[in-house]
Amino acid sequence: MGRLDNIIKRNRTKRFSEKALSSFVIGGIILLILALAVFTDLGKPPTPDRPPAPPQTQSHDHHVDDIKLWRQPAKPK
């Protein structure tokens, strides 16, 4: 083996380890992003501080979540 063969051999081993290292780093970053996306709850609405109110009895006024539901009065003929 000559001097040129030694140089080529030395350069090939370094290049493979650099590629492998960069592949592991990029793969680790992708896995970290996926893990954070799966285990975070940023899309969920906040939990209410107070428990929900008990259901009320029916009355003459129709209400849903404090919004009064009504019909438009009929036009006189």
N, C-alpha and C. Protein backbone atom coordinates (compact mmCIF):
# COMPACT_ATOMS: atom_id res chain seq x y z
N MET A 1 0.84 -1.17 0.00
CA MET A 1 0.00 0.00 0.00
C MET A 1 0.89 1.24 0.00
N GLY A 2 0.56 2.17 -0.84
CA GLY A 2 1.36 3.37 -0.94
C GLY A 2 0.81 4.49 -0.08
N ARG A 3 1.49 5.59 -0.17
CA ARG A 3 1.13 6.76 0.63
C ARG A 3 -0.24 7.29 0.22
N LEU A 4 -0.54 7.33 -1.06
CA LEU A 4 -1.83 7.80 -1.55
C LEU A 4 -2.95 6.91 -1.05
N ASP A 5 -2.76 5.62 -1.00
CA ASP A 5 -3.78 4.70 -0.49
C ASP A 5 -4.07 4.95 0.99
N ASN A 6 -3.03 5.27 1.77
CA ASN A 6 -3.22 5.59 3.19
C ASN A 6 -4.06 6.86 3.35
N ILE A 7 -3.81 7.86 2.54
CA ILE A 7 -4.56 9.11 2.62
C ILE A 7 -6.02 8.88 2.26
N ILE A 8 -6.27 8.12 1.22
CA ILE A 8 -7.65 7.83 0.80
C ILE A 8 -8.38 7.05 1.89
N LYS A 9 -7.73 6.08 2.47
CA LYS A 9 -8.35 5.27 3.52
C LYS A 9 -8.68 6.13 4.74
N ARG A 10 -7.77 7.01 5.12
CA ARG A 10 -7.97 7.87 6.27
C ARG A 10 -9.14 8.83 6.02
N ASN A 11 -9.26 9.38 4.84
CA ASN A 11 -10.34 10.32 4.53
C ASN A 11 -11.70 9.64 4.45
N ARG A 12 -11.75 8.42 4.00
CA ARG A 12 -13.03 7.72 3.90
C ARG A 12 -13.61 7.44 5.29
N THR A 13 -12.82 7.04 6.25
CA THR A 13 -13.35 6.73 7.58
C THR A 13 -13.87 7.99 8.27
N LYS A 14 -13.23 9.11 8.09
CA LYS A 14 -13.71 10.35 8.70
C LYS A 14 -15.04 10.77 8.09
N ARG A 15 -15.13 10.63 6.81
CA ARG A 15 -16.33 11.08 6.13
C ARG A 15 -17.55 10.26 6.56
N PHE A 16 -17.38 8.96 6.73
CA PHE A 16 -18.50 8.12 7.17
C PHE A 16 -18.95 8.51 8.57
N SER A 17 -18.03 8.75 9.48
CA SER A 17 -18.42 9.08 10.85
C SER A 17 -19.10 10.44 10.91
N GLU A 18 -18.70 11.37 10.06
CA GLU A 18 -19.36 12.68 10.04
C GLU A 18 -20.79 12.55 9.53
N LYS A 19 -20.97 11.73 8.50
CA LYS A 19 -22.32 11.52 7.98
C LYS A 19 -23.20 10.83 9.01
N ALA A 20 -22.65 9.82 9.66
CA ALA A 20 -23.42 9.09 10.67
C ALA A 20 -23.79 10.00 11.83
N LEU A 21 -22.85 10.81 12.28
CA LEU A 21 -23.11 11.72 13.39
C LEU A 21 -24.19 12.73 13.02
N SER A 22 -24.09 13.30 11.83
CA SER A 22 -25.10 14.27 11.43
C SER A 22 -26.47 13.60 11.26
N SER A 23 -26.50 12.37 10.79
CA SER A 23 -27.77 11.65 10.66
C SER A 23 -28.39 11.41 12.03
N PHE A 24 -27.59 11.03 13.01
CA PHE A 24 -28.10 10.82 14.36
C PHE A 24 -28.63 12.12 14.97
N VAL A 25 -27.95 13.21 14.74
CA VAL A 25 -28.38 14.50 15.30
C VAL A 25 -29.71 14.92 14.66
N ILE A 26 -29.81 14.84 13.35
CA ILE A 26 -31.04 15.23 12.67
C ILE A 26 -32.19 14.29 13.07
N GLY A 27 -31.92 12.99 13.16
CA GLY A 27 -32.94 12.05 13.61
C GLY A 27 -33.39 12.32 15.03
N GLY A 28 -32.46 12.68 15.90
CA GLY A 28 -32.81 13.01 17.28
C GLY A 28 -33.67 14.25 17.37
N ILE A 29 -33.38 15.24 16.55
CA ILE A 29 -34.19 16.47 16.54
C ILE A 29 -35.60 16.16 16.05
N ILE A 30 -35.71 15.34 15.03
CA ILE A 30 -37.04 14.97 14.52
C ILE A 30 -37.82 14.20 15.56
N LEU A 31 -37.17 13.26 16.24
CA LEU A 31 -37.85 12.51 17.30
C LEU A 31 -38.28 13.41 18.45
N LEU A 32 -37.45 14.38 18.80
CA LEU A 32 -37.80 15.33 19.85
C LEU A 32 -39.03 16.15 19.47
N ILE A 33 -39.08 16.62 18.23
CA ILE A 33 -40.23 17.39 17.76
C ILE A 33 -41.49 16.53 17.79
N LEU A 34 -41.40 15.30 17.34
CA LEU A 34 -42.56 14.41 17.36
C LEU A 34 -43.03 14.12 18.79
N ALA A 35 -42.10 13.89 19.69
CA ALA A 35 -42.46 13.62 21.08
C ALA A 35 -43.13 14.84 21.71
N LEU A 36 -42.62 16.02 21.44
CA LEU A 36 -43.24 17.23 21.99
C LEU A 36 -44.63 17.45 21.39
N ALA A 37 -44.80 17.15 20.13
CA ALA A 37 -46.12 17.31 19.50
C ALA A 37 -47.14 16.33 20.08
N VAL A 38 -46.70 15.13 20.42
CA VAL A 38 -47.62 14.12 20.94
C VAL A 38 -47.97 14.38 22.41
N PHE A 39 -47.00 14.78 23.21
CA PHE A 39 -47.22 14.86 24.65
C PHE A 39 -47.55 16.24 25.18
N THR A 40 -47.77 17.22 24.34
CA THR A 40 -48.20 18.53 24.83
C THR A 40 -49.69 18.68 24.59
N ASP A 41 -50.32 19.55 25.35
CA ASP A 41 -51.76 19.75 25.24
C ASP A 41 -52.09 21.19 24.87
N LEU A 42 -51.37 21.74 23.91
CA LEU A 42 -51.59 23.13 23.52
C LEU A 42 -52.93 23.32 22.81
N GLY A 43 -53.46 22.32 22.18
CA GLY A 43 -54.71 22.45 21.45
C GLY A 43 -55.95 22.27 22.30
N LYS A 44 -55.80 21.81 23.54
CA LYS A 44 -56.95 21.55 24.40
C LYS A 44 -57.39 22.84 25.08
N PRO A 45 -58.70 23.03 25.26
CA PRO A 45 -59.16 24.22 25.98
C PRO A 45 -58.82 24.08 27.47
N PRO A 46 -58.66 25.19 28.16
CA PRO A 46 -58.34 25.11 29.59
C PRO A 46 -59.49 24.49 30.38
N THR A 47 -59.15 23.84 31.46
CA THR A 47 -60.18 23.23 32.30
C THR A 47 -60.90 24.32 33.08
N PRO A 48 -62.20 24.16 33.31
CA PRO A 48 -62.93 25.20 34.05
C PRO A 48 -62.51 25.21 35.52
N ASP A 49 -62.50 26.41 36.10
CA ASP A 49 -62.12 26.56 37.51
C ASP A 49 -63.23 26.11 38.44
N ARG A 50 -64.46 26.28 38.01
CA ARG A 50 -65.60 25.90 38.86
C ARG A 50 -66.32 24.72 38.24
N PRO A 51 -66.97 23.92 39.06
CA PRO A 51 -67.71 22.77 38.50
C PRO A 51 -68.94 23.27 37.74
N PRO A 52 -69.43 22.49 36.80
CA PRO A 52 -70.61 22.92 36.05
C PRO A 52 -71.83 23.05 36.95
N ALA A 53 -72.68 23.99 36.61
CA ALA A 53 -73.89 24.24 37.41
C ALA A 53 -74.85 23.06 37.26
N PRO A 54 -75.60 22.77 38.32
CA PRO A 54 -76.57 21.67 38.22
C PRO A 54 -77.69 22.06 37.27
N PRO A 55 -78.32 21.10 36.63
CA PRO A 55 -79.40 21.43 35.70
C PRO A 55 -80.57 22.08 36.43
N GLN A 56 -81.15 23.08 35.80
CA GLN A 56 -82.27 23.80 36.41
C GLN A 56 -83.59 23.22 35.91
N THR A 57 -84.64 23.52 36.65
CA THR A 57 -85.96 23.05 36.24
C THR A 57 -86.45 23.87 35.05
N GLN A 58 -87.38 23.33 34.32
CA GLN A 58 -87.92 24.02 33.15
C GLN A 58 -88.79 25.19 33.60
N SER A 59 -88.72 26.27 32.86
CA SER A 59 -89.57 27.43 33.13
C SER A 59 -90.23 27.86 31.83
N HIS A 60 -90.99 28.94 31.91
CA HIS A 60 -91.67 29.43 30.71
C HIS A 60 -90.70 30.02 29.71
N ASP A 61 -89.64 30.63 30.19
CA ASP A 61 -88.63 31.19 29.29
C ASP A 61 -87.69 30.08 28.86
N HIS A 62 -87.35 30.07 27.59
CA HIS A 62 -86.43 29.06 27.08
C HIS A 62 -85.03 29.66 27.04
N HIS A 63 -84.12 29.07 27.79
CA HIS A 63 -82.75 29.55 27.85
C HIS A 63 -81.79 28.40 27.56
N VAL A 64 -80.75 28.70 26.84
CA VAL A 64 -79.66 27.76 26.63
C VAL A 64 -78.37 28.54 26.85
N ASP A 65 -77.62 28.16 27.87
CA ASP A 65 -76.36 28.82 28.20
C ASP A 65 -76.52 30.34 28.29
N ASP A 66 -77.54 30.78 29.03
CA ASP A 66 -77.83 32.20 29.27
C ASP A 66 -78.16 32.96 27.99
N ILE A 67 -78.63 32.28 26.96
CA ILE A 67 -79.08 32.92 25.73
C ILE A 67 -80.56 32.62 25.60
N LYS A 68 -81.36 33.67 25.52
CA LYS A 68 -82.80 33.47 25.44
C LYS A 68 -83.18 33.09 24.02
N LEU A 69 -83.92 32.00 23.90
CA LEU A 69 -84.41 31.55 22.61
C LEU A 69 -85.85 32.00 22.46
N TRP A 70 -86.16 32.64 21.37
CA TRP A 70 -87.52 33.12 21.16
C TRP A 70 -87.87 33.04 19.69
N ARG A 71 -89.17 33.04 19.44
CA ARG A 71 -89.66 33.07 18.07
C ARG A 71 -90.05 34.49 17.72
N GLN A 72 -89.89 34.78 16.47
CA GLN A 72 -90.32 36.10 16.00
C GLN A 72 -91.85 36.12 16.02
N PRO A 73 -92.44 37.20 16.55
CA PRO A 73 -93.92 37.24 16.61
C PRO A 73 -94.53 37.15 15.21
N ALA A 74 -95.66 36.52 15.14
CA ALA A 74 -96.35 36.35 13.87
C ALA A 74 -96.88 37.70 13.39
N LYS A 75 -96.84 37.93 12.08
CA LYS A 75 -97.36 39.18 11.53
C LYS A 75 -98.89 39.14 11.53
N PRO A 76 -99.51 40.24 11.91
CA PRO A 76 -100.98 40.25 11.85
C PRO A 76 -101.48 40.23 10.39
N LYS A 77 -102.56 39.54 10.17
CA LYS A 77 -103.08 39.42 8.81
C LYS A 77 -104.04 40.52 8.49
